[in-house]
Amino acid sequence: MRIISACLLGVACRYDGSHCLHPRAEELARTGGLLPLCPEQLGGLPTPRPAAEIHGGTGAEVLDGMARVIDREGRDVTDAFLRGAREVAGLCARLDVTEALLKARSPSCGVGWIRRAGDLIPGEGVTAALLKRRGVCVLAHPE
């Protein structure tokens, strides 16, 4: 079984209340075996919500307590991002998920690159970093 960022399947769970439905993701879902999840919602954040970025590092540093996730209004939402990442990782463990197809550039799901101050920087989002640590093959879905 695989997981996928729910926004890629048309679930309006992105920070701005939108989605980013992608035809290829929809095609994959039709073949079965895809579980759509949104770590930010699972962490208790509402939709819509202010955009957030990782400050002081990447998702790996957030997991290690060396960086924080701050929203556009200056609120620290690190705990919600960590809670959501742990929920996703727990579901992956219980359901024997081996692969995750995640939304590119997100502070939760970003793989390889995340956004900071309008720029792309190397690194993973919080959920992607935790899944990688737990042995899940994490793939970025292009924007």
Protein backbone atom coordinates (compact mmCIF):
# COMPACT_ATOMS: atom_id res chain seq x y z
CA MET A 1 0.00 0.00 0.00
CA ARG A 2 1.04 3.59 -0.66
CA ILE A 3 0.01 6.94 0.76
CA ILE A 4 -0.46 10.15 -1.17
CA SER A 5 -0.85 13.77 -0.16
CA ALA A 6 -4.63 14.24 -0.14
CA CYS A 7 -4.41 17.58 -1.97
CA LEU A 8 -3.03 15.75 -5.03
CA LEU A 9 -6.32 13.84 -5.27
CA GLY A 10 -8.46 16.98 -5.16
CA VAL A 11 -9.11 17.21 -1.41
CA ALA A 12 -9.32 20.91 -0.52
CA CYS A 13 -6.89 20.66 2.40
CA ARG A 14 -4.07 23.02 1.38
CA TYR A 15 -3.33 26.00 3.58
CA ASP A 16 -5.44 28.30 1.39
CA GLY A 17 -8.39 25.89 1.20
CA SER A 18 -7.53 24.77 -2.32
CA HIS A 19 -6.25 21.51 -3.76
CA CYS A 20 -3.75 20.64 -6.47
CA LEU A 21 -5.49 17.76 -8.22
CA HIS A 22 -3.09 16.12 -10.62
CA PRO A 23 -4.36 13.85 -13.42
CA ARG A 24 -1.53 11.33 -12.92
CA ALA A 25 -2.32 11.05 -9.20
CA GLU A 26 -5.98 10.55 -10.01
CA GLU A 27 -5.04 7.84 -12.51
CA LEU A 28 -2.90 6.08 -9.86
CA ALA A 29 -5.76 6.24 -7.37
CA ARG A 30 -8.08 4.44 -9.78
CA THR A 31 -5.76 1.44 -9.74
CA GLY A 32 -6.18 1.22 -5.95
CA GLY A 33 -3.79 0.92 -3.07
CA LEU A 34 -3.49 4.67 -2.41
CA LEU A 35 -4.45 6.15 0.96
CA PRO A 36 -4.88 9.96 0.83
CA LEU A 37 -3.66 11.81 3.94
CA CYS A 38 -3.03 15.43 4.96
CA PRO A 39 -0.51 15.63 7.81
CA GLU A 40 -1.37 19.24 8.60
CA GLN A 41 -5.05 18.42 9.10
CA LEU A 42 -4.16 15.25 11.03
CA GLY A 43 -2.03 17.48 13.26
CA GLY A 44 -5.10 19.56 14.10
CA LEU A 45 -4.63 22.59 11.86
CA PRO A 46 -7.75 24.07 10.25
CA THR A 47 -8.36 24.63 6.56
CA PRO A 48 -7.84 27.31 5.48
CA ARG A 49 -4.88 28.35 7.65
CA PRO A 50 -1.99 30.78 7.31
CA ALA A 51 0.89 29.47 5.19
CA ALA A 52 3.80 28.15 7.23
CA GLU A 53 7.54 27.68 6.73
CA ILE A 54 10.31 25.89 8.57
CA HIS A 55 12.72 28.30 10.28
CA GLY A 56 16.19 27.32 11.42
CA GLY A 57 16.61 24.21 9.31
CA THR A 58 14.53 21.59 7.52
CA GLY A 59 12.04 18.94 8.56
CA ALA A 60 14.85 16.78 9.97
CA GLU A 61 15.89 19.60 12.30
CA VAL A 62 12.27 20.10 13.36
CA LEU A 63 12.16 16.41 14.33
CA ASP A 64 15.37 16.89 16.33
CA GLY A 65 14.06 19.99 18.11
CA MET A 66 16.53 22.34 16.41
CA ALA A 67 14.10 24.17 14.06
CA ARG A 68 10.52 25.44 14.28
CA VAL A 69 7.55 25.76 11.94
CA ILE A 70 6.16 29.29 11.99
CA ASP A 71 3.05 30.47 10.15
CA ARG A 72 2.74 33.72 8.25
CA GLU A 73 1.11 35.38 11.27
CA GLY A 74 4.11 34.54 13.46
CA ARG A 75 2.51 31.64 15.35
CA ASP A 76 4.59 28.60 16.20
CA VAL A 77 2.77 25.59 14.71
CA THR A 78 5.62 23.12 15.24
CA ASP A 79 3.60 20.89 17.59
CA ALA A 80 0.80 20.50 15.03
CA PHE A 81 3.30 19.61 12.28
CA LEU A 82 4.98 17.05 14.55
CA ARG A 83 1.63 15.57 15.62
CA GLY A 84 0.54 15.23 11.98
CA ALA A 85 3.83 13.64 10.96
CA ARG A 86 3.56 11.12 13.79
CA GLU A 87 -0.05 10.28 12.85
CA VAL A 88 0.96 9.63 9.25
CA ALA A 89 3.99 7.58 10.30
CA GLY A 90 1.82 5.55 12.68
CA LEU A 91 -0.70 4.77 9.95
CA CYS A 92 2.13 3.78 7.62
CA ALA A 93 3.48 1.36 10.22
CA ARG A 94 0.06 -0.17 10.95
CA LEU A 95 -0.85 -0.56 7.28
CA ASP A 96 2.57 -1.68 6.02
CA VAL A 97 2.93 1.34 3.75
CA THR A 98 6.15 1.14 1.79
CA GLU A 99 5.87 4.20 -0.45
CA ALA A 100 4.63 7.77 -0.08
CA LEU A 101 3.85 10.10 -2.99
CA LEU A 102 3.98 13.56 -1.43
CA LYS A 103 3.30 17.15 -2.49
CA ALA A 104 6.48 18.85 -3.61
CA ARG A 105 7.92 21.83 -1.71
CA SER A 106 5.56 21.65 1.28
CA PRO A 107 6.74 22.22 4.88
CA SER A 108 5.03 18.91 5.70
CA CYS A 109 5.36 16.81 2.58
CA GLY A 110 8.22 18.38 0.63
CA VAL A 111 10.83 15.94 -0.65
CA GLY A 112 14.25 17.22 -1.68
CA TRP A 113 13.20 20.87 -1.65
CA ILE A 114 11.06 23.10 0.57
CA ARG A 115 10.08 26.75 0.32
CA ARG A 116 11.51 29.43 2.59
CA ALA A 117 10.94 33.16 2.09
CA GLY A 118 9.88 32.55 -1.51
CA ASP A 119 13.01 30.56 -2.35
CA LEU A 120 13.53 26.83 -2.74
CA ILE A 121 16.08 25.32 -0.38
CA PRO A 122 17.32 21.72 -0.17
CA GLY A 123 15.58 19.56 2.41
CA GLU A 124 12.46 17.68 3.39
CA GLY A 125 9.27 18.70 5.11
CA VAL A 126 8.51 17.37 8.59
CA THR A 127 6.39 14.39 7.53
CA ALA A 128 8.68 13.45 4.64
CA ALA A 129 11.70 13.51 6.97
CA LEU A 130 9.99 11.28 9.55
CA LEU A 131 8.81 8.78 6.93
CA LYS A 132 12.32 8.57 5.47
CA ARG A 133 13.70 7.89 8.96
CA ARG A 134 11.18 5.09 9.34
CA GLY A 135 12.19 3.43 6.06
CA VAL A 136 9.29 4.51 3.83
CA CYS A 137 10.31 5.29 0.24
CA VAL A 138 9.32 8.92 -0.17
CA LEU A 139 8.75 10.38 -3.64
CA ALA A 140 7.93 13.96 -4.57
CA HIS A 141 5.02 14.65 -6.83
CA PRO A 142 5.86 17.59 -9.09
CA GLU A 143 3.83 20.76 -8.99
